[in-house]
Amino acid sequence: MRGGIRIGVSVSLQRDDALLSGLSGLGGVLRNAVGEAGEAAAAEARRLAPVRTGRLRDSIGCAVSEGENGSVQAAVGTNVPYAAAQELGTAKRPGKHFLERGMAAAGAALKR
């Protein structure tokens, strides 16, 4: 997603060895939950993206990564050069906010 825009969500765990010893599978569960939320956000952003050729819509993706401190992050974005103008707008055109709205919809679903 280099050169494009990214909107992400991050969930962090505090390391507590006593707690984590009983919950050894939590990391995988957390990664799956964050990944599913990220994929849901990407799918919604693709649905909301403006389409002329389909290049912008088809470029929207999700990447899940793990930090050294136990955090798991999902980044949703695109590498299309004009994505920022479509998302945020220009001096003459308002933004479509398809990534922001996609992330908001996925966040609402994750809370349920």
PDB file of N, CA and C in Angstrom:
ATOM      1  N   MET A   1       0.812  -1.182   0.000  1.00  0.00           N
ATOM      2  CA  MET A   1       0.000   0.000   0.000  1.00  0.00           C
ATOM      3  C   MET A   1       0.860   1.251   0.000  1.00  0.00           C
ATOM      4  N   ARG A   2       2.079   1.165  -0.387  1.00  0.00           N
ATOM      5  CA  ARG A   2       2.995   2.300  -0.424  1.00  0.00           C
ATOM      6  C   ARG A   2       2.467   3.354  -1.386  1.00  0.00           C
ATOM      7  N   GLY A   3       2.501   4.614  -0.953  1.00  0.00           N
ATOM      8  CA  GLY A   3       2.100   5.704  -1.811  1.00  0.00           C
ATOM      9  C   GLY A   3       0.611   6.000  -1.795  1.00  0.00           C
ATOM     10  N   GLY A   4      -0.189   5.163  -1.181  1.00  0.00           N
ATOM     11  CA  GLY A   4      -1.620   5.400  -1.116  1.00  0.00           C
ATOM     12  C   GLY A   4      -2.015   5.881   0.266  1.00  0.00           C
ATOM     13  N   ILE A   5      -3.249   5.664   0.618  1.00  0.00           N
ATOM     14  CA  ILE A   5      -3.706   6.028   1.942  1.00  0.00           C
ATOM     15  C   ILE A   5      -4.075   4.777   2.709  1.00  0.00           C
ATOM     16  N   ARG A   6      -3.891   4.856   4.022  1.00  0.00           N
ATOM     17  CA  ARG A   6      -4.266   3.743   4.880  1.00  0.00           C
ATOM     18  C   ARG A   6      -5.068   4.274   6.055  1.00  0.00           C
ATOM     19  N   ILE A   7      -6.118   3.577   6.359  1.00  0.00           N
ATOM     20  CA  ILE A   7      -6.884   3.841   7.562  1.00  0.00           C
ATOM     21  C   ILE A   7      -6.886   2.521   8.300  1.00  0.00           C
ATOM     22  N   GLY A   8      -6.498   2.509   9.546  1.00  0.00           N
ATOM     23  CA  GLY A   8      -6.355   1.239  10.246  1.00  0.00           C
ATOM     24  C   GLY A   8      -6.987   1.231  11.613  1.00  0.00           C
ATOM     25  N   VAL A   9      -7.089   0.049  12.129  1.00  0.00           N
ATOM     26  CA  VAL A   9      -7.553  -0.150  13.492  1.00  0.00           C
ATOM     27  C   VAL A   9      -6.506  -0.991  14.197  1.00  0.00           C
ATOM     28  N   SER A  10      -6.244  -0.687  15.444  1.00  0.00           N
ATOM     29  CA  SER A  10      -5.230  -1.410  16.198  1.00  0.00           C
ATOM     30  C   SER A  10      -5.821  -1.895  17.511  1.00  0.00           C
ATOM     31  N   VAL A  11      -5.568  -3.131  17.831  1.00  0.00           N
ATOM     32  CA  VAL A  11      -5.981  -3.704  19.104  1.00  0.00           C
ATOM     33  C   VAL A  11      -4.725  -4.184  19.801  1.00  0.00           C
ATOM     34  N   SER A  12      -4.531  -3.806  21.047  1.00  0.00           N
ATOM     35  CA  SER A  12      -3.315  -4.176  21.770  1.00  0.00           C
ATOM     36  C   SER A  12      -3.636  -4.997  23.006  1.00  0.00           C
ATOM     37  N   LEU A  13      -2.739  -5.913  23.307  1.00  0.00           N
ATOM     38  CA  LEU A  13      -2.804  -6.691  24.544  1.00  0.00           C
ATOM     39  C   LEU A  13      -1.636  -6.288  25.426  1.00  0.00           C
ATOM     40  N   GLN A  14      -1.872  -6.161  26.703  1.00  0.00           N
ATOM     41  CA  GLN A  14      -0.779  -5.951  27.641  1.00  0.00           C
ATOM     42  C   GLN A  14      -0.261  -7.327  28.041  1.00  0.00           C
ATOM     43  N   ARG A  15       1.033  -7.477  28.034  1.00  0.00           N
ATOM     44  CA  ARG A  15       1.627  -8.770  28.401  1.00  0.00           C
ATOM     45  C   ARG A  15       1.447  -9.013  29.898  1.00  0.00           C
ATOM     46  N   ASP A  16       0.762 -10.073  30.218  1.00  0.00           N
ATOM     47  CA  ASP A  16       0.578 -10.524  31.597  1.00  0.00           C
ATOM     48  C   ASP A  16       0.767 -12.031  31.546  1.00  0.00           C
ATOM     49  N   ASP A  17       1.971 -12.484  31.883  1.00  0.00           N
ATOM     50  CA  ASP A  17       2.314 -13.895  31.726  1.00  0.00           C
ATOM     51  C   ASP A  17       1.360 -14.823  32.465  1.00  0.00           C
ATOM     52  N   ALA A  18       0.917 -14.437  33.658  1.00  0.00           N
ATOM     53  CA  ALA A  18       0.000 -15.291  34.409  1.00  0.00           C
ATOM     54  C   ALA A  18      -1.323 -15.446  33.664  1.00  0.00           C
ATOM     55  N   LEU A  19      -1.815 -14.345  33.136  1.00  0.00           N
ATOM     56  CA  LEU A  19      -3.073 -14.396  32.399  1.00  0.00           C
ATOM     57  C   LEU A  19      -2.902 -15.133  31.074  1.00  0.00           C
ATOM     58  N   LEU A  20      -1.828 -14.815  30.358  1.00  0.00           N
ATOM     59  CA  LEU A  20      -1.625 -15.405  29.038  1.00  0.00           C
ATOM     60  C   LEU A  20      -1.309 -16.893  29.086  1.00  0.00           C
ATOM     61  N   SER A  21      -0.770 -17.372  30.203  1.00  0.00           N
ATOM     62  CA  SER A  21      -0.466 -18.801  30.286  1.00  0.00           C
ATOM     63  C   SER A  21      -1.740 -19.635  30.179  1.00  0.00           C
ATOM     64  N   GLY A  22      -2.840 -19.116  30.676  1.00  0.00           N
ATOM     65  CA  GLY A  22      -4.115 -19.819  30.575  1.00  0.00           C
ATOM     66  C   GLY A  22      -4.845 -19.538  29.276  1.00  0.00           C
ATOM     67  N   LEU A  23      -4.363 -18.560  28.529  1.00  0.00           N
ATOM     68  CA  LEU A  23      -5.024 -18.163  27.292  1.00  0.00           C
ATOM     69  C   LEU A  23      -4.055 -18.222  26.119  1.00  0.00           C
ATOM     70  N   SER A  24      -3.342 -19.316  25.997  1.00  0.00           N
ATOM     71  CA  SER A  24      -2.268 -19.414  25.007  1.00  0.00           C
ATOM     72  C   SER A  24      -2.760 -19.241  23.573  1.00  0.00           C
ATOM     73  N   GLY A  25      -4.006 -19.560  23.303  1.00  0.00           N
ATOM     74  CA  GLY A  25      -4.526 -19.424  21.946  1.00  0.00           C
ATOM     75  C   GLY A  25      -5.110 -18.060  21.641  1.00  0.00           C
ATOM     76  N   LEU A  26      -5.044 -17.139  22.588  1.00  0.00           N
ATOM     77  CA  LEU A  26      -5.665 -15.834  22.402  1.00  0.00           C
ATOM     78  C   LEU A  26      -5.059 -15.057  21.244  1.00  0.00           C
ATOM     79  N   GLY A  27      -3.760 -15.159  21.043  1.00  0.00           N
ATOM     80  CA  GLY A  27      -3.115 -14.427  19.954  1.00  0.00           C
ATOM     81  C   GLY A  27      -3.712 -14.766  18.607  1.00  0.00           C
ATOM     82  N   GLY A  28      -3.931 -16.047  18.358  1.00  0.00           N
ATOM     83  CA  GLY A  28      -4.524 -16.469  17.092  1.00  0.00           C
ATOM     84  C   GLY A  28      -5.966 -16.021  16.959  1.00  0.00           C
ATOM     85  N   VAL A  29      -6.703 -16.083  18.060  1.00  0.00           N
ATOM     86  CA  VAL A  29      -8.097 -15.642  18.050  1.00  0.00           C
ATOM     87  C   VAL A  29      -8.161 -14.141  17.779  1.00  0.00           C
ATOM     88  N   LEU A  30      -7.277 -13.389  18.445  1.00  0.00           N
ATOM     89  CA  LEU A  30      -7.243 -11.943  18.251  1.00  0.00           C
ATOM     90  C   LEU A  30      -6.865 -11.603  16.812  1.00  0.00           C
ATOM     91  N   ARG A  31      -5.846 -12.271  16.287  1.00  0.00           N
ATOM     92  CA  ARG A  31      -5.422 -12.021  14.898  1.00  0.00           C
ATOM     93  C   ARG A  31      -6.565 -12.317  13.928  1.00  0.00           C
ATOM     94  N   ASN A  32      -7.279 -13.410  14.156  1.00  0.00           N
ATOM     95  CA  ASN A  32      -8.410 -13.754  13.289  1.00  0.00           C
ATOM     96  C   ASN A  32      -9.517 -12.710  13.375  1.00  0.00           C
ATOM     97  N   ALA A  33      -9.840 -12.263  14.598  1.00  0.00           N
ATOM     98  CA  ALA A  33     -10.907 -11.276  14.778  1.00  0.00           C
ATOM     99  C   ALA A  33     -10.549  -9.952  14.115  1.00  0.00           C
ATOM    100  N   VAL A  34      -9.316  -9.494  14.311  1.00  0.00           N
ATOM    101  CA  VAL A  34      -8.881  -8.238  13.699  1.00  0.00           C
ATOM    102  C   VAL A  34      -8.822  -8.395  12.181  1.00  0.00           C
ATOM    103  N   GLY A  35      -8.348  -9.544  11.709  1.00  0.00           N
ATOM    104  CA  GLY A  35      -8.302  -9.800  10.269  1.00  0.00           C
ATOM    105  C   GLY A  35      -9.683  -9.806   9.639  1.00  0.00           C
ATOM    106  N   GLU A  36     -10.645 -10.433  10.316  1.00  0.00           N
ATOM    107  CA  GLU A  36     -12.016 -10.457   9.804  1.00  0.00           C
ATOM    108  C   GLU A  36     -12.608  -9.057   9.770  1.00  0.00           C
ATOM    109  N   ALA A  37     -12.331  -8.260  10.815  1.00  0.00           N
ATOM    110  CA  ALA A  37     -12.821  -6.880  10.837  1.00  0.00           C
ATOM    111  C   ALA A  37     -12.188  -6.073   9.707  1.00  0.00           C
ATOM    112  N   GLY A  38     -10.899  -6.271   9.482  1.00  0.00           N
ATOM    113  CA  GLY A  38     -10.217  -5.572   8.394  1.00  0.00           C
ATOM    114  C   GLY A  38     -10.757  -5.963   7.032  1.00  0.00           C
ATOM    115  N   GLU A  39     -10.987  -7.250   6.832  1.00  0.00           N
ATOM    116  CA  GLU A  39     -11.544  -7.718   5.557  1.00  0.00           C
ATOM    117  C   GLU A  39     -12.963  -7.186   5.351  1.00  0.00           C
ATOM    118  N   ALA A  40     -13.747  -7.114   6.438  1.00  0.00           N
ATOM    119  CA  ALA A  40     -15.097  -6.550   6.343  1.00  0.00           C
ATOM    120  C   ALA A  40     -15.027  -5.071   5.969  1.00  0.00           C
ATOM    121  N   ALA A  41     -14.070  -4.345   6.552  1.00  0.00           N
ATOM    122  CA  ALA A  41     -13.891  -2.927   6.222  1.00  0.00           C
ATOM    123  C   ALA A  41     -13.483  -2.765   4.764  1.00  0.00           C
ATOM    124  N   ALA A  42     -12.579  -3.615   4.292  1.00  0.00           N
ATOM    125  CA  ALA A  42     -12.141  -3.547   2.893  1.00  0.00           C
ATOM    126  C   ALA A  42     -13.300  -3.852   1.948  1.00  0.00           C
ATOM    127  N   ALA A  43     -14.104  -4.842   2.285  1.00  0.00           N
ATOM    128  CA  ALA A  43     -15.251  -5.196   1.442  1.00  0.00           C
ATOM    129  C   ALA A  43     -16.252  -4.045   1.375  1.00  0.00           C
ATOM    130  N   GLU A  44     -16.510  -3.421   2.511  1.00  0.00           N
ATOM    131  CA  GLU A  44     -17.442  -2.291   2.536  1.00  0.00           C
ATOM    132  C   GLU A  44     -16.862  -1.098   1.778  1.00  0.00           C
ATOM    133  N   ALA A  45     -15.564  -0.849   1.927  1.00  0.00           N
ATOM    134  CA  ALA A  45     -14.915   0.242   1.189  1.00  0.00           C
ATOM    135  C   ALA A  45     -14.982  -0.013  -0.313  1.00  0.00           C
ATOM    136  N   ARG A  46     -14.790  -1.259  -0.730  1.00  0.00           N
ATOM    137  CA  ARG A  46     -14.912  -1.590  -2.157  1.00  0.00           C
ATOM    138  C   ARG A  46     -16.336  -1.326  -2.655  1.00  0.00           C
ATOM    139  N   ARG A  47     -17.316  -1.663  -1.825  1.00  0.00           N
ATOM    140  CA  ARG A  47     -18.717  -1.437  -2.195  1.00  0.00           C
ATOM    141  C   ARG A  47     -19.010   0.060  -2.337  1.00  0.00           C
ATOM    142  N   LEU A  48     -18.398   0.874  -1.480  1.00  0.00           N
ATOM    143  CA  LEU A  48     -18.665   2.313  -1.455  1.00  0.00           C
ATOM    144  C   LEU A  48     -17.781   3.125  -2.400  1.00  0.00           C
ATOM    145  N   ALA A  49     -16.722   2.539  -2.900  1.00  0.00           N
ATOM    146  CA  ALA A  49     -15.752   3.275  -3.725  1.00  0.00           C
ATOM    147  C   ALA A  49     -16.385   3.748  -5.031  1.00  0.00           C
ATOM    148  N   PRO A  50     -16.027   4.960  -5.454  1.00  0.00           N
ATOM    149  CA  PRO A  50     -16.502   5.417  -6.759  1.00  0.00           C
ATOM    150  C   PRO A  50     -15.880   4.566  -7.863  1.00  0.00           C
ATOM    151  N   VAL A  51     -16.652   4.278  -8.893  1.00  0.00           N
ATOM    152  CA  VAL A  51     -16.170   3.380  -9.947  1.00  0.00           C
ATOM    153  C   VAL A  51     -16.312   4.046 -11.312  1.00  0.00           C
ATOM    154  N   ARG A  52     -15.203   4.186 -11.983  1.00  0.00           N
ATOM    155  CA  ARG A  52     -15.226   4.561 -13.402  1.00  0.00           C
ATOM    156  C   ARG A  52     -14.665   3.376 -14.182  1.00  0.00           C
ATOM    157  N   THR A  53     -13.442   2.981 -13.863  1.00  0.00           N
ATOM    158  CA  THR A  53     -12.828   1.822 -14.529  1.00  0.00           C
ATOM    159  C   THR A  53     -12.806   0.592 -13.629  1.00  0.00           C
ATOM    160  N   GLY A  54     -12.964   0.795 -12.322  1.00  0.00           N
ATOM    161  CA  GLY A  54     -12.880  -0.305 -11.361  1.00  0.00           C
ATOM    162  C   GLY A  54     -11.498  -0.467 -10.758  1.00  0.00           C
ATOM    163  N   ARG A  55     -10.518   0.296 -11.232  1.00  0.00           N
ATOM    164  CA  ARG A  55      -9.145   0.167 -10.734  1.00  0.00           C
ATOM    165  C   ARG A  55      -9.051   0.507  -9.245  1.00  0.00           C
ATOM    166  N   LEU A  56      -9.683   1.602  -8.827  1.00  0.00           N
ATOM    167  CA  LEU A  56      -9.646   1.995  -7.420  1.00  0.00           C
ATOM    168  C   LEU A  56     -10.312   0.929  -6.557  1.00  0.00           C
ATOM    169  N   ARG A  57     -11.508   0.540  -6.933  1.00  0.00           N
ATOM    170  CA  ARG A  57     -12.245  -0.478  -6.171  1.00  0.00           C
ATOM    171  C   ARG A  57     -11.440  -1.765  -6.044  1.00  0.00           C
ATOM    172  N   ASP A  58     -10.869  -2.213  -7.150  1.00  0.00           N
ATOM    173  CA  ASP A  58     -10.139  -3.476  -7.157  1.00  0.00           C
ATOM    174  C   ASP A  58      -8.817  -3.415  -6.403  1.00  0.00           C
ATOM    175  N   SER A  59      -8.311  -2.205  -6.157  1.00  0.00           N
ATOM    176  CA  SER A  59      -7.026  -2.067  -5.462  1.00  0.00           C
ATOM    177  C   SER A  59      -7.158  -2.052  -3.945  1.00  0.00           C
ATOM    178  N   ILE A  60      -8.360  -1.948  -3.422  1.00  0.00           N
ATOM    179  CA  ILE A  60      -8.563  -1.858  -1.973  1.00  0.00           C
ATOM    180  C   ILE A  60      -8.285  -3.215  -1.344  1.00  0.00           C
ATOM    181  N   GLY A  61      -7.439  -3.216  -0.323  1.00  0.00           N
ATOM    182  CA  GLY A  61      -7.075  -4.466   0.330  1.00  0.00           C
ATOM    183  C   GLY A  61      -6.851  -4.291   1.818  1.00  0.00           C
ATOM    184  N   CYS A  62      -6.545  -5.386   2.464  1.00  0.00           N
ATOM    185  CA  CYS A  62      -6.326  -5.413   3.906  1.00  0.00           C
ATOM    186  C   CYS A  62      -5.047  -6.182   4.194  1.00  0.00           C
ATOM    187  N   ALA A  63      -4.245  -5.663   5.114  1.00  0.00           N
ATOM    188  CA  ALA A  63      -3.032  -6.348   5.561  1.00  0.00           C
ATOM    189  C   ALA A  63      -3.054  -6.406   7.083  1.00  0.00           C
ATOM    190  N   VAL A  64      -2.808  -7.575   7.640  1.00  0.00           N
ATOM    191  CA  VAL A  64      -2.785  -7.771   9.093  1.00  0.00           C
ATOM    192  C   VAL A  64      -1.339  -7.957   9.526  1.00  0.00           C
ATOM    193  N   SER A  65      -0.963  -7.274  10.610  1.00  0.00           N
ATOM    194  CA  SER A  65       0.401  -7.403  11.126  1.00  0.00           C
ATOM    195  C   SER A  65       0.371  -7.470  12.644  1.00  0.00           C
ATOM    196  N   GLU A  66       1.443  -8.030  13.196  1.00  0.00           N
ATOM    197  CA  GLU A  66       1.585  -8.138  14.646  1.00  0.00           C
ATOM    198  C   GLU A  66       2.779  -7.319  15.090  1.00  0.00           C
ATOM    199  N   GLY A  67       2.587  -6.547  16.166  1.00  0.00           N
ATOM    200  CA  GLY A  67       3.671  -5.754  16.731  1.00  0.00           C
ATOM    201  C   GLY A  67       4.433  -6.544  17.776  1.00  0.00           C
ATOM    202  N   GLU A  68       5.592  -6.032  18.156  1.00  0.00           N
ATOM    203  CA  GLU A  68       6.422  -6.704  19.164  1.00  0.00           C
ATOM    204  C   GLU A  68       5.758  -6.731  20.535  1.00  0.00           C
ATOM    205  N   ASN A  69       4.881  -5.761  20.804  1.00  0.00           N
ATOM    206  CA  ASN A  69       4.251  -5.666  22.115  1.00  0.00           C
ATOM    207  C   ASN A  69       2.962  -6.473  22.224  1.00  0.00           C
ATOM    208  N   GLY A  70       2.679  -7.307  21.246  1.00  0.00           N
ATOM    209  CA  GLY A  70       1.479  -8.133  21.295  1.00  0.00           C
ATOM    210  C   GLY A  70       0.282  -7.521  20.594  1.00  0.00           C
ATOM    211  N   SER A  71       0.453  -6.352  19.982  1.00  0.00           N
ATOM    212  CA  SER A  71      -0.671  -5.734  19.287  1.00  0.00           C
ATOM    213  C   SER A  71      -0.884  -6.406  17.932  1.00  0.00           C
ATOM    214  N   VAL A  72      -2.103  -6.364  17.477  1.00  0.00           N
ATOM    215  CA  VAL A  72      -2.461  -6.875  16.158  1.00  0.00           C
ATOM    216  C   VAL A  72      -3.164  -5.734  15.434  1.00  0.00           C
ATOM    217  N   GLN A  73      -2.753  -5.479  14.193  1.00  0.00           N
ATOM    218  CA  GLN A  73      -3.297  -4.353  13.446  1.00  0.00           C
ATOM    219  C   GLN A  73      -3.770  -4.804  12.078  1.00  0.00           C
ATOM    220  N   ALA A  74      -4.869  -4.223  11.650  1.00  0.00           N
ATOM    221  CA  ALA A  74      -5.353  -4.416  10.286  1.00  0.00           C
ATOM    222  C   ALA A  74      -5.327  -3.062   9.604  1.00  0.00           C
ATOM    223  N   ALA A  75      -4.651  -2.979   8.485  1.00  0.00           N
ATOM    224  CA  ALA A  75      -4.596  -1.744   7.702  1.00  0.00           C
ATOM    225  C   ALA A  75      -5.384  -1.961   6.421  1.00  0.00           C
ATOM    226  N   VAL A  76      -6.293  -1.065   6.155  1.00  0.00           N
ATOM    227  CA  VAL A  76      -7.109  -1.130   4.946  1.00  0.00           C
ATOM    228  C   VAL A  76      -6.731   0.060   4.086  1.00  0.00           C
ATOM    229  N   GLY A  77      -6.449  -0.179   2.828  1.00  0.00           N
ATOM    230  CA  GLY A  77      -6.062   0.938   1.980  1.00  0.00           C
ATOM    231  C   GLY A  77      -5.910   0.546   0.532  1.00  0.00           C
ATOM    232  N   THR A  78      -5.320   1.452  -0.220  1.00  0.00           N
ATOM    233  CA  THR A  78      -5.135   1.290  -1.651  1.00  0.00           C
ATOM    234  C   THR A  78      -3.837   1.963  -2.060  1.00  0.00           C
ATOM    235  N   ASN A  79      -3.266   1.524  -3.156  1.00  0.00           N
ATOM    236  CA  ASN A  79      -2.036   2.137  -3.646  1.00  0.00           C
ATOM    237  C   ASN A  79      -2.259   2.924  -4.936  1.00  0.00           C
ATOM    238  N   VAL A  80      -3.497   3.161  -5.292  1.00  0.00           N
ATOM    239  CA  VAL A  80      -3.806   3.925  -6.495  1.00  0.00           C
ATOM    240  C   VAL A  80      -3.487   5.400  -6.226  1.00  0.00           C
ATOM    241  N   PRO A  81      -2.724   6.052  -7.105  1.00  0.00           N
ATOM    242  CA  PRO A  81      -2.280   7.428  -6.849  1.00  0.00           C
ATOM    243  C   PRO A  81      -3.406   8.433  -6.604  1.00  0.00           C
ATOM    244  N   TYR A  82      -4.555   8.257  -7.230  1.00  0.00           N
ATOM    245  CA  TYR A  82      -5.641   9.228  -7.076  1.00  0.00           C
ATOM    246  C   TYR A  82      -6.593   8.888  -5.925  1.00  0.00           C
ATOM    247  N   ALA A  83      -6.274   7.868  -5.143  1.00  0.00           N
ATOM    248  CA  ALA A  83      -7.155   7.452  -4.050  1.00  0.00           C
ATOM    249  C   ALA A  83      -7.336   8.553  -3.011  1.00  0.00           C
ATOM    250  N   ALA A  84      -6.274   9.275  -2.689  1.00  0.00           N
ATOM    251  CA  ALA A  84      -6.377  10.334  -1.675  1.00  0.00           C
ATOM    252  C   ALA A  84      -7.354  11.416  -2.119  1.00  0.00           C
ATOM    253  N   ALA A  85      -7.307  11.790  -3.388  1.00  0.00           N
ATOM    254  CA  ALA A  85      -8.232  12.806  -3.895  1.00  0.00           C
ATOM    255  C   ALA A  85      -9.672  12.304  -3.836  1.00  0.00           C
ATOM    256  N   GLN A  86      -9.886  11.026  -4.118  1.00  0.00           N
ATOM    257  CA  GLN A  86     -11.232  10.464  -4.045  1.00  0.00           C
ATOM    258  C   GLN A  86     -11.705  10.352  -2.595  1.00  0.00           C
ATOM    259  N   GLU A  87     -10.823   9.917  -1.709  1.00  0.00           N
ATOM    260  CA  GLU A  87     -11.191   9.733  -0.298  1.00  0.00           C
ATOM    261  C   GLU A  87     -11.405  11.072   0.400  1.00  0.00           C
ATOM    262  N   LEU A  88     -10.448  11.974   0.260  1.00  0.00           N
ATOM    263  CA  LEU A  88     -10.442  13.216   1.034  1.00  0.00           C
ATOM    264  C   LEU A  88     -11.029  14.410   0.295  1.00  0.00           C
ATOM    265  N   GLY A  89     -11.099  14.341  -1.024  1.00  0.00           N
ATOM    266  CA  GLY A  89     -11.612  15.444  -1.814  1.00  0.00           C
ATOM    267  C   GLY A  89     -10.500  16.365  -2.276  1.00  0.00           C
ATOM    268  N   THR A  90     -10.887  17.336  -3.073  1.00  0.00           N
ATOM    269  CA  THR A  90      -9.964  18.351  -3.581  1.00  0.00           C
ATOM    270  C   THR A  90     -10.596  19.709  -3.305  1.00  0.00           C
ATOM    271  N   ALA A  91      -9.933  20.766  -3.764  1.00  0.00           N
ATOM    272  CA  ALA A  91     -10.481  22.109  -3.575  1.00  0.00           C
ATOM    273  C   ALA A  91     -11.828  22.269  -4.278  1.00  0.00           C
ATOM    274  N   LYS A  92     -12.048  21.503  -5.339  1.00  0.00           N
ATOM    275  CA  LYS A  92     -13.277  21.651  -6.126  1.00  0.00           C
ATOM    276  C   LYS A  92     -14.296  20.531  -5.934  1.00  0.00           C
ATOM    277  N   ARG A  93     -13.868  19.423  -5.346  1.00  0.00           N
ATOM    278  CA  ARG A  93     -14.778  18.282  -5.186  1.00  0.00           C
ATOM    279  C   ARG A  93     -14.705  17.734  -3.770  1.00  0.00           C
ATOM    280  N   PRO A  94     -15.858  17.428  -3.200  1.00  0.00           N
ATOM    281  CA  PRO A  94     -15.843  16.840  -1.855  1.00  0.00           C
ATOM    282  C   PRO A  94     -15.350  15.390  -1.895  1.00  0.00           C
ATOM    283  N   GLY A  95     -14.812  14.931  -0.788  1.00  0.00           N
ATOM    284  CA  GLY A  95     -14.337  13.556  -0.698  1.00  0.00           C
ATOM    285  C   GLY A  95     -15.481  12.565  -0.626  1.00  0.00           C
ATOM    286  N   LYS A  96     -15.205  11.350  -1.058  1.00  0.00           N
ATOM    287  CA  LYS A  96     -16.197  10.271  -1.005  1.00  0.00           C
ATOM    288  C   LYS A  96     -16.138   9.514   0.320  1.00  0.00           C
ATOM    289  N   HIS A  97     -14.998   9.559   0.987  1.00  0.00           N
ATOM    290  CA  HIS A  97     -14.803   8.940   2.307  1.00  0.00           C
ATOM    291  C   HIS A  97     -15.194   7.458   2.344  1.00  0.00           C
ATOM    292  N   PHE A  98     -14.913   6.743   1.267  1.00  0.00           N
ATOM    293  CA  PHE A  98     -15.267   5.329   1.180  1.00  0.00           C
ATOM    294  C   PHE A  98     -14.447   4.470   2.139  1.00  0.00           C
ATOM    295  N   LEU A  99     -13.165   4.807   2.349  1.00  0.00           N
ATOM    296  CA  LEU A  99     -12.349   4.042   3.304  1.00  0.00           C
ATOM    297  C   LEU A  99     -12.799   4.322   4.735  1.00  0.00           C
ATOM    298  N   GLU A 100     -13.018   5.580   5.043  1.00  0.00           N
ATOM    299  CA  GLU A 100     -13.467   5.962   6.388  1.00  0.00           C
ATOM    300  C   GLU A 100     -14.807   5.317   6.723  1.00  0.00           C
ATOM    301  N   ARG A 101     -15.738   5.372   5.784  1.00  0.00           N
ATOM    302  CA  ARG A 101     -17.059   4.774   6.029  1.00  0.00           C
ATOM    303  C   ARG A 101     -16.988   3.252   6.090  1.00  0.00           C
ATOM    304  N   GLY A 102     -16.115   2.656   5.303  1.00  0.00           N
ATOM    305  CA  GLY A 102     -15.928   1.209   5.366  1.00  0.00           C
ATOM    306  C   GLY A 102     -15.387   0.775   6.714  1.00  0.00           C
ATOM    307  N   MET A 103     -14.406   1.527   7.234  1.00  0.00           N
ATOM    308  CA  MET A 103     -13.835   1.215   8.542  1.00  0.00           C
ATOM    309  C   MET A 103     -14.867   1.427   9.648  1.00  0.00           C
ATOM    310  N   ALA A 104     -15.664   2.489   9.536  1.00  0.00           N
ATOM    311  CA  ALA A 104     -16.694   2.752  10.546  1.00  0.00           C
ATOM    312  C   ALA A 104     -17.727   1.627  10.578  1.00  0.00           C
ATOM    313  N   ALA A 105     -18.133   1.152   9.419  1.00  0.00           N
ATOM    314  CA  ALA A 105     -19.112   0.064   9.356  1.00  0.00           C
ATOM    315  C   ALA A 105     -18.547  -1.212   9.962  1.00  0.00           C
ATOM    316  N   ALA A 106     -17.284  -1.507   9.676  1.00  0.00           N
ATOM    317  CA  ALA A 106     -16.663  -2.708  10.242  1.00  0.00           C
ATOM    318  C   ALA A 106     -16.489  -2.564  11.747  1.00  0.00           C
ATOM    319  N   GLY A 107     -16.153  -1.364  12.208  1.00  0.00           N
ATOM    320  CA  GLY A 107     -16.010  -1.129  13.648  1.00  0.00           C
ATOM    321  C   GLY A 107     -17.323  -1.326  14.378  1.00  0.00           C
ATOM    322  N   ALA A 108     -18.408  -0.867  13.773  1.00  0.00           N
ATOM    323  CA  ALA A 108     -19.727  -1.054  14.372  1.00  0.00           C
ATOM    324  C   ALA A 108     -20.081  -2.535  14.436  1.00  0.00           C
ATOM    325  N   ALA A 109     -19.746  -3.277  13.394  1.00  0.00           N
ATOM    326  CA  ALA A 109     -20.021  -4.719  13.384  1.00  0.00           C
ATOM    327  C   ALA A 109     -19.174  -5.442  14.420  1.00  0.00           C
ATOM    328  N   LEU A 110     -17.928  -4.997  14.609  1.00  0.00           N
ATOM    329  CA  LEU A 110     -17.030  -5.623  15.577  1.00  0.00           C
ATOM    330  C   LEU A 110     -17.530  -5.422  17.002  1.00  0.00           C
ATOM    331  N   LYS A 111     -18.153  -4.281  17.269  1.00  0.00           N
ATOM    332  CA  LYS A 111     -18.675  -3.993  18.610  1.00  0.00           C
ATOM    333  C   LYS A 111     -19.857  -4.885  18.962  1.00  0.00           C
ATOM    334  N   ARG A 112     -20.581  -5.353  17.935  1.00  0.00           N
ATOM    335  CA  ARG A 112     -21.769  -6.192  18.191  1.00  0.00           C
ATOM    336  C   ARG A 112     -21.401  -7.539  18.639  1.00  0.00           C
TER     337      ARG A 112
END
